[in-house]
Amino acid sequence: MKLDYWWDVGDQRFYNKWAAELYSQETGLYSRYSTDHDAIKFYLQDASIDDNYDYNTAFVKQLRDEYETIRLYYTGGFDSHTMLLTFLNAGLSLDDICVVTTSDQPLISETCDLEYTKAAFPFLESRGLKYTNFLVDVETHRDLYKDPDWISKTGGGYPIVRSHSNALDKYQNFHEEVSCNLLGKEKPLLLKKNGSWYCTFFDNGILDWNIPNRVMFWLDPRNIKSFIKDARLLRELVIEKTPEYQNNKTGFIDHGIFGKEKYSEYNIAMGRFPTHHKITMNNSMSKATGRNWCNQKDKEWMKSLIDADQIDIVVDYYSSWDNIRKKLPSIVEEDGFINRWLPAKCPWFINIDTLEYIESENFDLTGVFDK
């Protein structure tokens, strides 16, 4: 099963968020994030959830039965490592484990991929696990960024600096080698409305994986109850750390409520653990928060390009942003800063107690995001 997510603008469907927003601006029609709602409702129709049941293990067993070949995309971080351990602990094999890197030496320093070289690869090798080091090289970046409209053409539209995600669209044959490309980094967001708790997610969070034969681990309808269970675990953490939410009738909660230093606690509350290494346990290299465009790995990558006299790639990348700035002036803030994130949207909301499923267009968000 490949559950698609897309953006509807009028009677047009888009698989790139930027393209949808551009068409929305042109037509004056709203861009709505959507999916096959009935597929998810089917797995929630019994309206039951067991907090003691291991939904993830049941899901990987189902995947192993249904798919001839499974490739897991792995970083060693909280989400991918949890998926890997679920397979291993269940005694199940994977046909491939793919680690996507950008350290195209000697031009690009391996400092761009420290969490892989120091944590992911050593763990996989210590277990004797077969894996593929999938390199997105300098020439692939050059070819991608030559097109000034690449941001509105790649799958999803994730505007990452190193194109290790966007460029995957170019490798169709690689993706089609397996019947299941297993991906997962979906973390539930919580909101409270009139005293009831709901989970959802933002489209901005999963823009970077739009490949053939994709299965999203926690958003797949067959494992949606694991997503809801994680939301219930997060609620316990929220109430423990921020008791005021017991009394608040309405509000929105994401992991930022605990502060950046509590990111590990946020994941561990859901039972998600990374490869045990200081790179992954406290990996500030991969975080770009607030108004920062680049995380540390991106900066290392750009520096390597400049040091290797590959200035054309840097120029083309930033020229593409100037191009889209002119097309979408709404992303330019009052001080001239270009916001590389379009407004986030949700496709649905699920009551984590009753399992009621509500499509976004039918959910009243009044007051939820008020400070």
Protein backbone atom coordinates (compact mmCIF):
# COMPACT_ATOMS: atom_id res chain seq x y z
CA MET A 1 0.00 0.00 0.00
CA LYS A 2 1.31 3.43 -0.96
CA LEU A 3 -0.75 6.09 0.74
CA ASP A 4 -0.33 9.32 -1.18
CA TYR A 5 -0.59 12.83 0.19
CA TRP A 6 -1.12 15.75 -2.14
CA TRP A 7 -2.45 19.30 -2.41
CA ASP A 8 -5.78 20.10 -4.04
CA VAL A 9 -6.34 23.55 -5.52
CA GLY A 10 -9.78 23.72 -7.09
CA ASP A 11 -9.97 20.70 -9.40
CA GLN A 12 -6.17 20.50 -9.79
CA ARG A 13 -3.98 18.07 -7.82
CA PHE A 14 -0.32 18.76 -7.03
CA TYR A 15 2.47 16.64 -5.58
CA ASN A 16 4.71 19.64 -4.94
CA LYS A 17 3.73 22.12 -2.22
CA TRP A 18 5.33 25.12 -3.91
CA ALA A 19 3.61 24.40 -7.22
CA ALA A 20 0.30 24.18 -5.39
CA GLU A 21 0.86 27.48 -3.60
CA LEU A 22 1.86 29.20 -6.85
CA TYR A 23 -1.33 27.99 -8.51
CA SER A 24 -3.32 29.02 -5.43
CA GLN A 25 -1.84 32.51 -5.66
CA GLU A 26 -2.65 32.68 -9.36
CA THR A 27 -6.26 31.52 -9.02
CA GLY A 28 -7.18 32.78 -5.57
CA LEU A 29 -8.27 29.24 -4.63
CA TYR A 30 -7.23 27.59 -1.37
CA SER A 31 -4.53 24.92 -1.44
CA ARG A 32 -5.72 22.00 0.71
CA TYR A 33 -3.51 19.16 1.94
CA SER A 34 -5.30 15.89 1.35
CA THR A 35 -5.07 12.10 1.16
CA ASP A 36 -7.20 8.97 0.74
CA HIS A 37 -9.24 9.54 3.89
CA ASP A 38 -11.28 6.36 3.48
CA ALA A 39 -8.14 4.21 3.64
CA ILE A 40 -7.34 5.53 7.11
CA LYS A 41 -10.95 5.47 8.31
CA PHE A 42 -11.10 1.77 7.43
CA TYR A 43 -8.44 0.94 10.03
CA LEU A 44 -10.12 3.11 12.67
CA GLN A 45 -13.66 1.83 12.25
CA ASP A 46 -13.56 -0.35 15.37
CA ALA A 47 -12.60 2.78 17.41
CA SER A 48 -10.39 0.75 19.77
CA ILE A 49 -6.76 1.12 20.80
CA ASP A 50 -4.63 -0.92 23.20
CA ASP A 51 -1.79 1.00 24.85
CA ASN A 52 -0.09 -2.29 25.73
CA TYR A 53 -0.15 -3.71 22.21
CA ASP A 54 2.99 -3.59 20.05
CA TYR A 55 1.55 -2.18 16.84
CA ASN A 56 4.97 -1.65 15.27
CA THR A 57 5.98 -5.29 15.56
CA ALA A 58 2.65 -6.43 14.16
CA PHE A 59 3.14 -4.01 11.27
CA VAL A 60 6.65 -5.17 10.30
CA LYS A 61 5.42 -8.77 10.32
CA GLN A 62 2.64 -7.73 7.97
CA LEU A 63 5.09 -5.91 5.72
CA ARG A 64 7.38 -8.92 5.58
CA ASP A 65 4.44 -11.11 4.58
CA GLU A 66 3.09 -8.72 1.95
CA TYR A 67 6.24 -7.43 0.21
CA GLU A 68 8.80 -9.51 -1.62
CA THR A 69 11.60 -7.01 -1.07
CA ILE A 70 11.92 -4.26 1.56
CA ARG A 71 14.49 -1.48 1.71
CA LEU A 72 14.73 0.63 4.87
CA TYR A 73 16.11 4.16 4.64
CA TYR A 74 18.34 4.58 7.65
CA THR A 75 20.15 7.44 9.38
CA GLY A 76 20.70 6.00 12.82
CA GLY A 77 18.39 8.66 14.28
CA PHE A 78 15.39 8.19 16.55
CA ASP A 79 12.90 7.12 13.90
CA SER A 80 14.89 4.99 11.47
CA HIS A 81 16.74 3.21 14.28
CA THR A 82 13.43 2.38 15.96
CA MET A 83 12.18 0.86 12.71
CA LEU A 84 15.37 -1.14 12.28
CA LEU A 85 15.27 -2.46 15.85
CA THR A 86 11.64 -3.47 15.38
CA PHE A 87 12.66 -5.72 12.51
CA LEU A 88 15.69 -7.10 14.32
CA ASN A 89 13.86 -7.77 17.59
CA ALA A 90 11.13 -9.57 15.66
CA GLY A 91 13.75 -11.76 13.98
CA LEU A 92 12.86 -10.39 10.56
CA SER A 93 15.24 -9.55 7.74
CA LEU A 94 15.48 -6.56 5.43
CA ASP A 95 16.59 -6.89 1.83
CA ASP A 96 18.52 -3.64 1.96
CA ILE A 97 19.29 -0.80 4.34
CA CYS A 98 20.00 2.43 2.50
CA VAL A 99 22.05 5.28 3.95
CA VAL A 100 21.99 8.39 1.74
CA THR A 101 25.17 10.46 1.94
CA THR A 102 26.63 13.55 0.26
CA SER A 103 30.32 13.26 1.21
CA ASP A 104 31.61 13.14 -2.35
CA GLN A 105 35.30 13.08 -1.48
CA PRO A 106 37.72 14.65 -2.13
CA LEU A 107 35.47 17.60 -3.03
CA ILE A 108 32.96 17.27 -0.21
CA SER A 109 34.19 16.65 3.33
CA GLU A 110 32.86 13.71 5.34
CA THR A 111 31.90 16.20 8.08
CA CYS A 112 28.60 16.49 6.17
CA ASP A 113 27.81 12.91 7.14
CA LEU A 114 29.28 12.52 10.61
CA GLU A 115 26.21 10.84 12.09
CA TYR A 116 26.55 8.14 9.44
CA THR A 117 30.31 7.60 9.55
CA LYS A 118 30.47 7.65 13.35
CA ALA A 119 27.16 6.05 14.29
CA ALA A 120 25.00 4.51 11.54
CA PHE A 121 27.68 2.61 9.62
CA PRO A 122 29.44 1.27 12.73
CA PHE A 123 26.15 0.00 14.15
CA LEU A 124 25.17 -1.74 10.92
CA GLU A 125 28.61 -3.29 10.59
CA SER A 126 28.62 -4.46 14.21
CA ARG A 127 25.44 -6.41 13.46
CA GLY A 128 26.71 -7.73 10.14
CA LEU A 129 23.85 -6.08 8.28
CA LYS A 130 23.89 -5.55 4.52
CA TYR A 131 23.55 -1.90 3.55
CA THR A 132 23.90 0.45 0.61
CA ASN A 133 25.77 3.74 0.87
CA PHE A 134 23.80 5.75 -1.65
CA LEU A 135 25.91 8.75 -2.66
CA VAL A 136 24.27 11.84 -4.15
CA ASP A 137 27.33 13.32 -5.79
CA VAL A 138 28.39 16.82 -6.77
CA GLU A 139 27.29 16.44 -10.38
CA THR A 140 23.79 15.47 -9.31
CA HIS A 141 23.56 18.65 -7.26
CA ARG A 142 24.90 20.67 -10.18
CA ASP A 143 22.32 19.24 -12.59
CA LEU A 144 19.45 19.77 -10.15
CA TYR A 145 20.20 23.39 -9.29
CA LYS A 146 20.77 24.43 -12.92
CA ASP A 147 16.99 24.58 -13.23
CA PRO A 148 15.88 27.81 -11.51
CA ASP A 149 12.46 26.21 -10.88
CA TRP A 150 13.72 23.00 -9.24
CA ILE A 151 12.05 23.83 -5.90
CA SER A 152 8.58 23.71 -7.46
CA LYS A 153 9.30 20.57 -9.50
CA THR A 154 10.85 18.04 -7.14
CA GLY A 155 8.70 15.52 -5.33
CA GLY A 156 7.05 17.09 -2.32
CA GLY A 157 8.98 20.32 -2.55
CA TYR A 158 11.35 20.03 0.41
CA PRO A 159 13.76 22.99 0.00
CA ILE A 160 16.79 21.34 1.57
CA VAL A 161 20.27 22.71 0.85
CA ARG A 162 21.93 19.35 0.24
CA SER A 163 19.70 17.61 -2.28
CA HIS A 164 20.08 14.13 -0.85
CA SER A 165 16.31 14.01 -0.62
CA ASN A 166 15.16 16.00 -3.64
CA ALA A 167 17.59 14.32 -6.00
CA LEU A 168 16.20 10.92 -5.15
CA ASP A 169 13.48 11.62 -7.71
CA LYS A 170 16.15 11.12 -10.37
CA TYR A 171 16.90 7.55 -9.35
CA GLN A 172 13.70 5.78 -10.35
CA ASN A 173 15.42 2.52 -11.29
CA PHE A 174 17.03 2.29 -7.86
CA HIS A 175 13.72 2.79 -6.07
CA GLU A 176 11.93 0.30 -8.27
CA GLU A 177 14.44 -2.44 -7.43
CA VAL A 178 12.33 -3.19 -4.35
CA SER A 179 8.60 -3.51 -3.79
CA CYS A 180 8.68 -1.51 -0.53
CA ASN A 181 10.78 1.58 0.20
CA LEU A 182 10.25 1.97 3.93
CA LEU A 183 10.54 5.49 5.31
CA GLY A 184 9.62 7.04 8.60
CA LYS A 185 10.12 10.22 10.55
CA GLU A 186 6.48 11.09 11.22
CA LYS A 187 5.99 12.41 14.72
CA PRO A 188 2.50 13.22 15.96
CA LEU A 189 1.59 16.78 16.82
CA LEU A 190 -0.93 17.32 19.58
CA LEU A 191 -3.67 19.86 19.83
CA LYS A 192 -6.45 20.35 22.28
CA LYS A 193 -9.86 21.62 21.28
CA ASN A 194 -12.68 22.16 23.77
CA GLY A 195 -11.01 19.77 26.18
CA SER A 196 -10.52 16.94 23.65
CA TRP A 197 -7.06 15.85 22.45
CA TYR A 198 -6.25 15.30 18.78
CA CYS A 199 -3.19 14.22 16.82
CA THR A 200 -2.11 15.30 13.37
CA PHE A 201 1.04 16.21 11.43
CA PHE A 202 2.27 19.04 9.22
CA ASP A 203 2.84 18.62 5.50
CA ASN A 204 6.19 20.44 5.83
CA GLY A 205 7.48 17.51 7.86
CA ILE A 206 7.32 14.88 5.14
CA LEU A 207 8.00 16.79 1.94
CA ASP A 208 11.33 15.12 1.31
CA TRP A 209 10.22 11.56 0.55
CA ASN A 210 8.16 11.17 -2.60
CA ILE A 211 9.54 8.04 -4.25
CA PRO A 212 8.05 4.95 -5.92
CA ASN A 213 6.84 2.08 -3.75
CA ARG A 214 6.97 4.26 -0.66
CA VAL A 215 5.58 3.10 2.66
CA MET A 216 5.56 5.67 5.48
CA PHE A 217 5.96 3.70 8.69
CA TRP A 218 3.73 5.63 11.10
CA LEU A 219 1.33 7.22 8.61
CA ASP A 220 0.49 4.02 6.78
CA PRO A 221 -3.18 3.21 7.50
CA ARG A 222 -2.16 -0.29 8.63
CA ASN A 223 -0.03 1.24 11.39
CA ILE A 224 -2.00 4.41 12.13
CA LYS A 225 -2.87 3.14 15.61
CA SER A 226 0.83 3.19 16.47
CA PHE A 227 0.85 6.88 15.50
CA ILE A 228 -2.14 7.48 17.78
CA LYS A 229 -0.57 5.45 20.60
CA ASP A 230 2.54 7.63 20.35
CA ALA A 231 0.33 10.72 20.57
CA ARG A 232 -1.19 9.34 23.78
CA LEU A 233 2.31 8.78 25.22
CA LEU A 234 3.21 12.35 24.29
CA ARG A 235 0.13 13.60 26.06
CA GLU A 236 1.39 11.99 29.26
CA LEU A 237 4.70 13.82 28.86
CA VAL A 238 2.97 17.13 28.09
CA ILE A 239 0.79 16.90 31.19
CA GLU A 240 3.77 15.94 33.33
CA LYS A 241 6.02 18.74 32.05
CA THR A 242 3.38 21.41 31.49
CA PRO A 243 0.53 20.86 33.97
CA GLU A 244 -1.29 23.94 32.73
CA TYR A 245 -2.48 21.89 29.76
CA GLN A 246 -4.67 19.89 32.11
CA ASN A 247 -6.77 23.01 32.56
CA ASN A 248 -6.39 24.61 29.13
CA LYS A 249 -9.36 23.73 26.95
CA THR A 250 -7.71 24.65 23.65
CA GLY A 251 -4.14 24.87 22.39
CA PHE A 252 -1.41 23.41 20.17
CA ILE A 253 1.59 21.42 21.37
CA ASP A 254 4.67 20.25 19.46
CA HIS A 255 8.11 19.18 20.68
CA GLY A 256 9.20 22.82 20.80
CA ILE A 257 7.21 23.24 23.98
CA PHE A 258 9.95 21.43 25.88
CA GLY A 259 12.83 23.34 24.28
CA LYS A 260 15.55 22.11 21.96
CA GLU A 261 17.45 20.44 24.79
CA LYS A 262 14.45 18.19 25.48
CA TYR A 263 14.19 16.80 21.94
CA SER A 264 15.56 13.44 23.06
CA GLU A 265 13.03 13.25 25.87
CA TYR A 266 10.24 13.94 23.39
CA ASN A 267 11.29 10.97 21.23
CA ILE A 268 12.08 8.61 24.07
CA ALA A 269 8.62 9.21 25.54
CA MET A 270 7.28 7.48 22.42
CA GLY A 271 9.79 4.64 22.66
CA ARG A 272 11.95 5.90 19.81
CA PHE A 273 15.70 5.56 20.36
CA PRO A 274 18.68 6.43 18.13
CA THR A 275 21.94 4.60 17.66
CA HIS A 276 23.69 5.12 20.97
CA HIS A 277 26.37 7.65 20.08
CA LYS A 278 26.87 11.27 21.03
CA ILE A 279 26.46 12.24 17.37
CA THR A 280 22.91 10.91 17.25
CA MET A 281 21.96 11.41 20.88
CA ASN A 282 22.83 15.11 20.68
CA ASN A 283 23.05 15.86 16.99
CA SER A 284 22.81 19.60 16.57
CA MET A 285 24.35 19.21 13.11
CA SER A 286 21.04 18.13 11.63
CA LYS A 287 18.83 20.78 13.19
CA ALA A 288 17.96 24.03 11.47
CA THR A 289 15.53 25.92 13.65
CA GLY A 290 13.91 29.32 13.66
CA ARG A 291 15.26 31.63 10.98
CA ASN A 292 18.33 29.51 10.26
CA TRP A 293 18.37 28.33 6.68
CA CYS A 294 21.21 25.87 7.05
CA ASN A 295 21.97 23.24 9.63
CA GLN A 296 25.62 22.57 10.42
CA LYS A 297 25.88 19.82 7.81
CA ASP A 298 24.59 22.18 5.13
CA LYS A 299 27.19 24.77 6.12
CA GLU A 300 29.95 22.17 5.90
CA TRP A 301 28.71 21.15 2.48
CA MET A 302 28.62 24.74 1.19
CA LYS A 303 32.08 25.39 2.59
CA SER A 304 33.41 22.31 0.81
CA LEU A 305 31.95 23.50 -2.48
CA ILE A 306 33.52 26.93 -2.10
CA ASP A 307 36.90 25.48 -1.08
CA ALA A 308 36.78 23.17 -4.12
CA ASP A 309 35.96 26.07 -6.46
CA GLN A 310 32.49 24.71 -7.25
CA ILE A 311 30.96 28.17 -6.93
CA ASP A 312 28.46 27.63 -9.74
CA ILE A 313 26.46 25.18 -7.61
CA VAL A 314 26.23 27.65 -4.72
CA VAL A 315 25.24 30.49 -7.07
CA ASP A 316 22.59 28.38 -8.81
CA TYR A 317 21.13 27.24 -5.49
CA TYR A 318 20.66 30.74 -4.13
CA SER A 319 19.58 32.11 -7.50
CA SER A 320 16.71 29.64 -7.42
CA TRP A 321 15.57 31.21 -4.17
CA ASP A 322 15.70 34.66 -5.71
CA ASN A 323 13.58 33.26 -8.52
CA ILE A 324 10.87 31.89 -6.26
CA ARG A 325 10.99 35.01 -4.06
CA LYS A 326 9.85 37.00 -7.08
CA LYS A 327 7.06 34.52 -7.82
CA LEU A 328 5.87 34.18 -4.22
CA PRO A 329 6.39 37.54 -2.53
CA SER A 330 4.43 36.29 0.49
CA ILE A 331 7.48 34.31 1.66
CA VAL A 332 9.47 37.54 2.09
CA GLU A 333 9.09 38.87 5.62
CA GLU A 334 9.05 42.55 6.60
CA ASP A 335 12.81 42.71 7.19
CA GLY A 336 13.57 41.10 3.81
CA PHE A 337 14.23 37.62 5.20
CA ILE A 338 13.09 34.85 2.82
CA ASN A 339 11.19 32.16 4.71
CA ARG A 340 11.97 28.81 3.10
CA TRP A 341 8.91 27.21 4.71
CA LEU A 342 5.46 27.78 3.30
CA PRO A 343 2.64 27.81 5.87
CA ALA A 344 2.16 24.31 7.29
CA LYS A 345 -1.08 22.43 6.68
CA CYS A 346 -2.69 19.34 8.17
CA PRO A 347 -4.70 16.72 6.25
CA TRP A 348 -6.74 15.34 9.14
CA PHE A 349 -7.25 15.27 12.91
CA ILE A 350 -7.81 12.14 15.01
CA ASN A 351 -9.26 12.19 18.51
CA ILE A 352 -6.73 10.11 20.44
CA ASP A 353 -9.37 8.86 22.89
CA THR A 354 -12.37 8.13 20.69
CA LEU A 355 -10.43 7.65 17.40
CA GLU A 356 -12.88 9.95 15.65
CA TYR A 357 -11.37 10.92 12.29
CA ILE A 358 -11.99 14.45 11.01
CA GLU A 359 -10.87 15.75 7.64
CA SER A 360 -9.10 19.10 7.96
CA GLU A 361 -11.77 21.04 6.10
CA ASN A 362 -14.32 19.94 8.71
CA PHE A 363 -12.24 20.82 11.77
CA ASP A 364 -12.62 24.23 13.39
CA LEU A 365 -9.14 25.49 14.36
CA THR A 366 -10.38 28.72 15.91
CA GLY A 367 -8.23 29.55 18.90
CA VAL A 368 -5.98 26.49 18.64
CA PHE A 369 -2.88 28.37 17.51
CA ASP A 370 -3.49 31.51 19.54
CA LYS A 371 -0.68 32.34 21.93
